[in-house]
Amino acid sequence: MPGGDRADRLGRMTTHRAPKPVAAPTQTVERAVTIGLILAVLAGLGWIAGMIYTLAEWPL
């Protein structure tokens, strides 16, 4: 029976899936970079505020 042979052959086919990307390591790296950039911005703002305060309080 030709039709039965084809159905049997389709039933045995395997699927070849690509491996799922690993999301955990890249997210931790992105989180660390984001936190580092936020801390750098806060440090820069603190430095600018300190310079303004120093110039404002400098005795002339």
PDB file of N, CA and C in Angstrom:
ATOM      1  N   MET A   1       0.831  -1.177   0.000  1.00  0.00           N
ATOM      2  CA  MET A   1       0.000   0.000   0.000  1.00  0.00           C
ATOM      3  C   MET A   1       0.888   1.258   0.000  1.00  0.00           C
ATOM      4  N   PRO A   2       0.900   2.016  -1.074  1.00  0.00           N
ATOM      5  CA  PRO A   2       1.795   3.169  -1.165  1.00  0.00           C
ATOM      6  C   PRO A   2       1.466   4.273  -0.168  1.00  0.00           C
ATOM      7  N   GLY A   3       0.193   4.514   0.107  1.00  0.00           N
ATOM      8  CA  GLY A   3      -0.162   5.590   1.031  1.00  0.00           C
ATOM      9  C   GLY A   3       0.273   5.313   2.453  1.00  0.00           C
ATOM     10  N   GLY A   4       0.195   4.064   2.867  1.00  0.00           N
ATOM     11  CA  GLY A   4       0.596   3.696   4.224  1.00  0.00           C
ATOM     12  C   GLY A   4       2.090   3.828   4.429  1.00  0.00           C
ATOM     13  N   ASP A   5       2.858   3.523   3.386  1.00  0.00           N
ATOM     14  CA  ASP A   5       4.309   3.637   3.483  1.00  0.00           C
ATOM     15  C   ASP A   5       4.728   5.091   3.704  1.00  0.00           C
ATOM     16  N   ARG A   6       4.039   5.991   3.006  1.00  0.00           N
ATOM     17  CA  ARG A   6       4.376   7.416   3.137  1.00  0.00           C
ATOM     18  C   ARG A   6       4.033   7.926   4.534  1.00  0.00           C
ATOM     19  N   ALA A   7       2.886   7.533   5.076  1.00  0.00           N
ATOM     20  CA  ALA A   7       2.498   7.971   6.413  1.00  0.00           C
ATOM     21  C   ALA A   7       3.470   7.432   7.451  1.00  0.00           C
ATOM     22  N   ASP A   8       3.955   6.210   7.259  1.00  0.00           N
ATOM     23  CA  ASP A   8       4.918   5.632   8.194  1.00  0.00           C
ATOM     24  C   ASP A   8       6.237   6.400   8.156  1.00  0.00           C
ATOM     25  N   ARG A   9       6.641   6.763   6.961  1.00  0.00           N
ATOM     26  CA  ARG A   9       7.893   7.499   6.806  1.00  0.00           C
ATOM     27  C   ARG A   9       7.790   8.898   7.435  1.00  0.00           C
ATOM     28  N   LEU A  10       6.642   9.573   7.290  1.00  0.00           N
ATOM     29  CA  LEU A  10       6.464  10.888   7.887  1.00  0.00           C
ATOM     30  C   LEU A  10       6.393  10.805   9.407  1.00  0.00           C
ATOM     31  N   GLY A  11       5.868   9.708   9.910  1.00  0.00           N
ATOM     32  CA  GLY A  11       5.770   9.546  11.348  1.00  0.00           C
ATOM     33  C   GLY A  11       7.123   9.368  12.011  1.00  0.00           C
ATOM     34  N   ARG A  12       8.117   8.900  11.283  1.00  0.00           N
ATOM     35  CA  ARG A  12       9.445   8.665  11.848  1.00  0.00           C
ATOM     36  C   ARG A  12      10.377   9.861  11.713  1.00  0.00           C
ATOM     37  N   MET A  13       9.943  10.884  11.030  1.00  0.00           N
ATOM     38  CA  MET A  13      10.827  12.034  10.818  1.00  0.00           C
ATOM     39  C   MET A  13      11.099  12.751  12.138  1.00  0.00           C
ATOM     40  N   THR A  14      12.298  13.192  12.293  1.00  0.00           N
ATOM     41  CA  THR A  14      12.664  13.935  13.500  1.00  0.00           C
ATOM     42  C   THR A  14      12.775  15.416  13.163  1.00  0.00           C
ATOM     43  N   THR A  15      12.592  16.226  14.147  1.00  0.00           N
ATOM     44  CA  THR A  15      12.747  17.663  13.949  1.00  0.00           C
ATOM     45  C   THR A  15      14.131  18.073  14.437  1.00  0.00           C
ATOM     46  N   HIS A  16      14.742  18.921  13.687  1.00  0.00           N
ATOM     47  CA  HIS A  16      16.073  19.421  14.044  1.00  0.00           C
ATOM     48  C   HIS A  16      15.915  20.879  14.463  1.00  0.00           C
ATOM     49  N   ARG A  17      15.936  21.084  15.732  1.00  0.00           N
ATOM     50  CA  ARG A  17      15.756  22.443  16.251  1.00  0.00           C
ATOM     51  C   ARG A  17      17.105  23.032  16.620  1.00  0.00           C
ATOM     52  N   ALA A  18      17.212  24.317  16.418  1.00  0.00           N
ATOM     53  CA  ALA A  18      18.423  25.013  16.834  1.00  0.00           C
ATOM     54  C   ALA A  18      18.423  25.113  18.355  1.00  0.00           C
ATOM     55  N   PRO A  19      19.579  25.064  18.974  1.00  0.00           N
ATOM     56  CA  PRO A  19      19.612  25.180  20.427  1.00  0.00           C
ATOM     57  C   PRO A  19      19.091  26.537  20.879  1.00  0.00           C
ATOM     58  N   LYS A  20      18.383  26.533  21.996  1.00  0.00           N
ATOM     59  CA  LYS A  20      17.836  27.779  22.518  1.00  0.00           C
ATOM     60  C   LYS A  20      18.979  28.649  23.051  1.00  0.00           C
ATOM     61  N   PRO A  21      18.926  29.943  22.800  1.00  0.00           N
ATOM     62  CA  PRO A  21      19.989  30.818  23.311  1.00  0.00           C
ATOM     63  C   PRO A  21      19.932  30.894  24.836  1.00  0.00           C
ATOM     64  N   VAL A  22      21.094  30.967  25.424  1.00  0.00           N
ATOM     65  CA  VAL A  22      21.175  31.078  26.875  1.00  0.00           C
ATOM     66  C   VAL A  22      21.004  32.546  27.237  1.00  0.00           C
ATOM     67  N   ALA A  23      19.963  32.868  27.988  1.00  0.00           N
ATOM     68  CA  ALA A  23      19.636  34.260  28.283  1.00  0.00           C
ATOM     69  C   ALA A  23      20.250  34.725  29.598  1.00  0.00           C
ATOM     70  N   ALA A  24      20.506  33.849  30.508  1.00  0.00           N
ATOM     71  CA  ALA A  24      20.938  34.247  31.848  1.00  0.00           C
ATOM     72  C   ALA A  24      22.289  34.973  31.871  1.00  0.00           C
ATOM     73  N   PRO A  25      23.362  34.450  31.260  1.00  0.00           N
ATOM     74  CA  PRO A  25      24.642  35.166  31.356  1.00  0.00           C
ATOM     75  C   PRO A  25      24.629  36.548  30.709  1.00  0.00           C
ATOM     76  N   THR A  26      23.950  36.710  29.586  1.00  0.00           N
ATOM     77  CA  THR A  26      23.957  38.021  28.946  1.00  0.00           C
ATOM     78  C   THR A  26      23.159  39.032  29.759  1.00  0.00           C
ATOM     79  N   GLN A  27      22.098  38.574  30.409  1.00  0.00           N
ATOM     80  CA  GLN A  27      21.307  39.499  31.211  1.00  0.00           C
ATOM     81  C   GLN A  27      22.104  39.969  32.428  1.00  0.00           C
ATOM     82  N   THR A  28      22.885  39.095  33.050  1.00  0.00           N
ATOM     83  CA  THR A  28      23.668  39.518  34.206  1.00  0.00           C
ATOM     84  C   THR A  28      24.756  40.497  33.799  1.00  0.00           C
ATOM     85  N   VAL A  29      25.347  40.293  32.618  1.00  0.00           N
ATOM     86  CA  VAL A  29      26.373  41.227  32.137  1.00  0.00           C
ATOM     87  C   VAL A  29      25.744  42.574  31.840  1.00  0.00           C
ATOM     88  N   GLU A  30      24.587  42.567  31.179  1.00  0.00           N
ATOM     89  CA  GLU A  30      23.914  43.834  30.876  1.00  0.00           C
ATOM     90  C   GLU A  30      23.519  44.549  32.159  1.00  0.00           C
ATOM     91  N   ARG A  31      23.057  43.798  33.154  1.00  0.00           N
ATOM     92  CA  ARG A  31      22.669  44.408  34.426  1.00  0.00           C
ATOM     93  C   ARG A  31      23.888  45.028  35.111  1.00  0.00           C
ATOM     94  N   ALA A  32      25.031  44.346  35.076  1.00  0.00           N
ATOM     95  CA  ALA A  32      26.243  44.877  35.696  1.00  0.00           C
ATOM     96  C   ALA A  32      26.714  46.138  34.986  1.00  0.00           C
ATOM     97  N   VAL A  33      26.641  46.142  33.665  1.00  0.00           N
ATOM     98  CA  VAL A  33      27.053  47.331  32.900  1.00  0.00           C
ATOM     99  C   VAL A  33      26.116  48.496  33.192  1.00  0.00           C
ATOM    100  N   THR A  34      24.815  48.228  33.253  1.00  0.00           N
ATOM    101  CA  THR A  34      23.845  49.288  33.541  1.00  0.00           C
ATOM    102  C   THR A  34      24.081  49.872  34.928  1.00  0.00           C
ATOM    103  N   ILE A  35      24.310  49.016  35.914  1.00  0.00           N
ATOM    104  CA  ILE A  35      24.565  49.504  37.276  1.00  0.00           C
ATOM    105  C   ILE A  35      25.857  50.317  37.310  1.00  0.00           C
ATOM    106  N   GLY A  36      26.876  49.850  36.590  1.00  0.00           N
ATOM    107  CA  GLY A  36      28.134  50.598  36.533  1.00  0.00           C
ATOM    108  C   GLY A  36      27.963  51.970  35.902  1.00  0.00           C
ATOM    109  N   LEU A  37      27.174  52.048  34.849  1.00  0.00           N
ATOM    110  CA  LEU A  37      26.939  53.340  34.201  1.00  0.00           C
ATOM    111  C   LEU A  37      26.138  54.276  35.104  1.00  0.00           C
ATOM    112  N   ILE A  38      25.162  53.735  35.816  1.00  0.00           N
ATOM    113  CA  ILE A  38      24.381  54.565  36.741  1.00  0.00           C
ATOM    114  C   ILE A  38      25.268  55.101  37.848  1.00  0.00           C
ATOM    115  N   LEU A  39      26.133  54.249  38.399  1.00  0.00           N
ATOM    116  CA  LEU A  39      27.054  54.708  39.444  1.00  0.00           C
ATOM    117  C   LEU A  39      28.028  55.759  38.909  1.00  0.00           C
ATOM    118  N   ALA A  40      28.468  55.596  37.666  1.00  0.00           N
ATOM    119  CA  ALA A  40      29.382  56.575  37.069  1.00  0.00           C
ATOM    120  C   ALA A  40      28.685  57.922  36.890  1.00  0.00           C
ATOM    121  N   VAL A  41      27.424  57.901  36.477  1.00  0.00           N
ATOM    122  CA  VAL A  41      26.674  59.147  36.311  1.00  0.00           C
ATOM    123  C   VAL A  41      26.470  59.817  37.664  1.00  0.00           C
ATOM    124  N   LEU A  42      26.129  59.041  38.677  1.00  0.00           N
ATOM    125  CA  LEU A  42      25.950  59.616  40.021  1.00  0.00           C
ATOM    126  C   LEU A  42      27.259  60.194  40.556  1.00  0.00           C
ATOM    127  N   ALA A  43      28.371  59.508  40.318  1.00  0.00           N
ATOM    128  CA  ALA A  43      29.668  60.025  40.752  1.00  0.00           C
ATOM    129  C   ALA A  43      30.002  61.318  40.012  1.00  0.00           C
ATOM    130  N   GLY A  44      29.697  61.382  38.717  1.00  0.00           N
ATOM    131  CA  GLY A  44      29.945  62.601  37.947  1.00  0.00           C
ATOM    132  C   GLY A  44      29.095  63.759  38.434  1.00  0.00           C
ATOM    133  N   LEU A  45      27.830  63.490  38.733  1.00  0.00           N
ATOM    134  CA  LEU A  45      26.963  64.550  39.256  1.00  0.00           C
ATOM    135  C   LEU A  45      27.447  65.022  40.628  1.00  0.00           C
ATOM    136  N   GLY A  46      27.896  64.090  41.443  1.00  0.00           N
ATOM    137  CA  GLY A  46      28.452  64.471  42.745  1.00  0.00           C
ATOM    138  C   GLY A  46      29.703  65.313  42.601  1.00  0.00           C
ATOM    139  N   TRP A  47      30.545  64.971  41.656  1.00  0.00           N
ATOM    140  CA  TRP A  47      31.766  65.748  41.439  1.00  0.00           C
ATOM    141  C   TRP A  47      31.420  67.161  40.962  1.00  0.00           C
ATOM    142  N   ILE A  48      30.467  67.268  40.040  1.00  0.00           N
ATOM    143  CA  ILE A  48      30.058  68.585  39.551  1.00  0.00           C
ATOM    144  C   ILE A  48      29.459  69.411  40.687  1.00  0.00           C
ATOM    145  N   ALA A  49      28.622  68.800  41.512  1.00  0.00           N
ATOM    146  CA  ALA A  49      28.038  69.518  42.647  1.00  0.00           C
ATOM    147  C   ALA A  49      29.120  69.975  43.620  1.00  0.00           C
ATOM    148  N   GLY A  50      30.113  69.130  43.840  1.00  0.00           N
ATOM    149  CA  GLY A  50      31.233  69.511  44.707  1.00  0.00           C
ATOM    150  C   GLY A  50      32.034  70.672  44.145  1.00  0.00           C
ATOM    151  N   MET A  51      32.247  70.682  42.851  1.00  0.00           N
ATOM    152  CA  MET A  51      32.979  71.792  42.236  1.00  0.00           C
ATOM    153  C   MET A  51      32.183  73.092  42.326  1.00  0.00           C
ATOM    154  N   ILE A  52      30.891  73.023  42.117  1.00  0.00           N
ATOM    155  CA  ILE A  52      30.055  74.221  42.232  1.00  0.00           C
ATOM    156  C   ILE A  52      30.081  74.730  43.673  1.00  0.00           C
ATOM    157  N   TYR A  53      29.971  73.811  44.623  1.00  0.00           N
ATOM    158  CA  TYR A  53      30.018  74.213  46.036  1.00  0.00           C
ATOM    159  C   TYR A  53      31.372  74.837  46.375  1.00  0.00           C
ATOM    160  N   THR A  54      32.446  74.230  45.884  1.00  0.00           N
ATOM    161  CA  THR A  54      33.792  74.775  46.153  1.00  0.00           C
ATOM    162  C   THR A  54      33.941  76.170  45.573  1.00  0.00           C
ATOM    163  N   LEU A  55      33.488  76.370  44.358  1.00  0.00           N
ATOM    164  CA  LEU A  55      33.605  77.693  43.744  1.00  0.00           C
ATOM    165  C   LEU A  55      32.713  78.715  44.439  1.00  0.00           C
ATOM    166  N   ALA A  56      31.549  78.288  44.903  1.00  0.00           N
ATOM    167  CA  ALA A  56      30.622  79.210  45.568  1.00  0.00           C
ATOM    168  C   ALA A  56      31.150  79.626  46.933  1.00  0.00           C
ATOM    169  N   GLU A  57      31.850  78.728  47.625  1.00  0.00           N
ATOM    170  CA  GLU A  57      32.339  79.016  48.975  1.00  0.00           C
ATOM    171  C   GLU A  57      33.793  79.484  49.007  1.00  0.00           C
ATOM    172  N   TRP A  58      34.418  79.607  47.856  1.00  0.00           N
ATOM    173  CA  TRP A  58      35.829  79.987  47.810  1.00  0.00           C
ATOM    174  C   TRP A  58      35.984  81.431  48.266  1.00  0.00           C
ATOM    175  N   PRO A  59      36.895  81.661  49.236  1.00  0.00           N
ATOM    176  CA  PRO A  59      37.079  83.051  49.691  1.00  0.00           C
ATOM    177  C   PRO A  59      37.836  83.875  48.648  1.00  0.00           C
ATOM    178  N   LEU A  60      37.313  85.022  48.337  1.00  0.00           N
ATOM    179  CA  LEU A  60      37.971  85.878  47.339  1.00  0.00           C
ATOM    180  C   LEU A  60      38.762  86.955  47.980  1.00  0.00           C
TER     181      LEU A  60
END
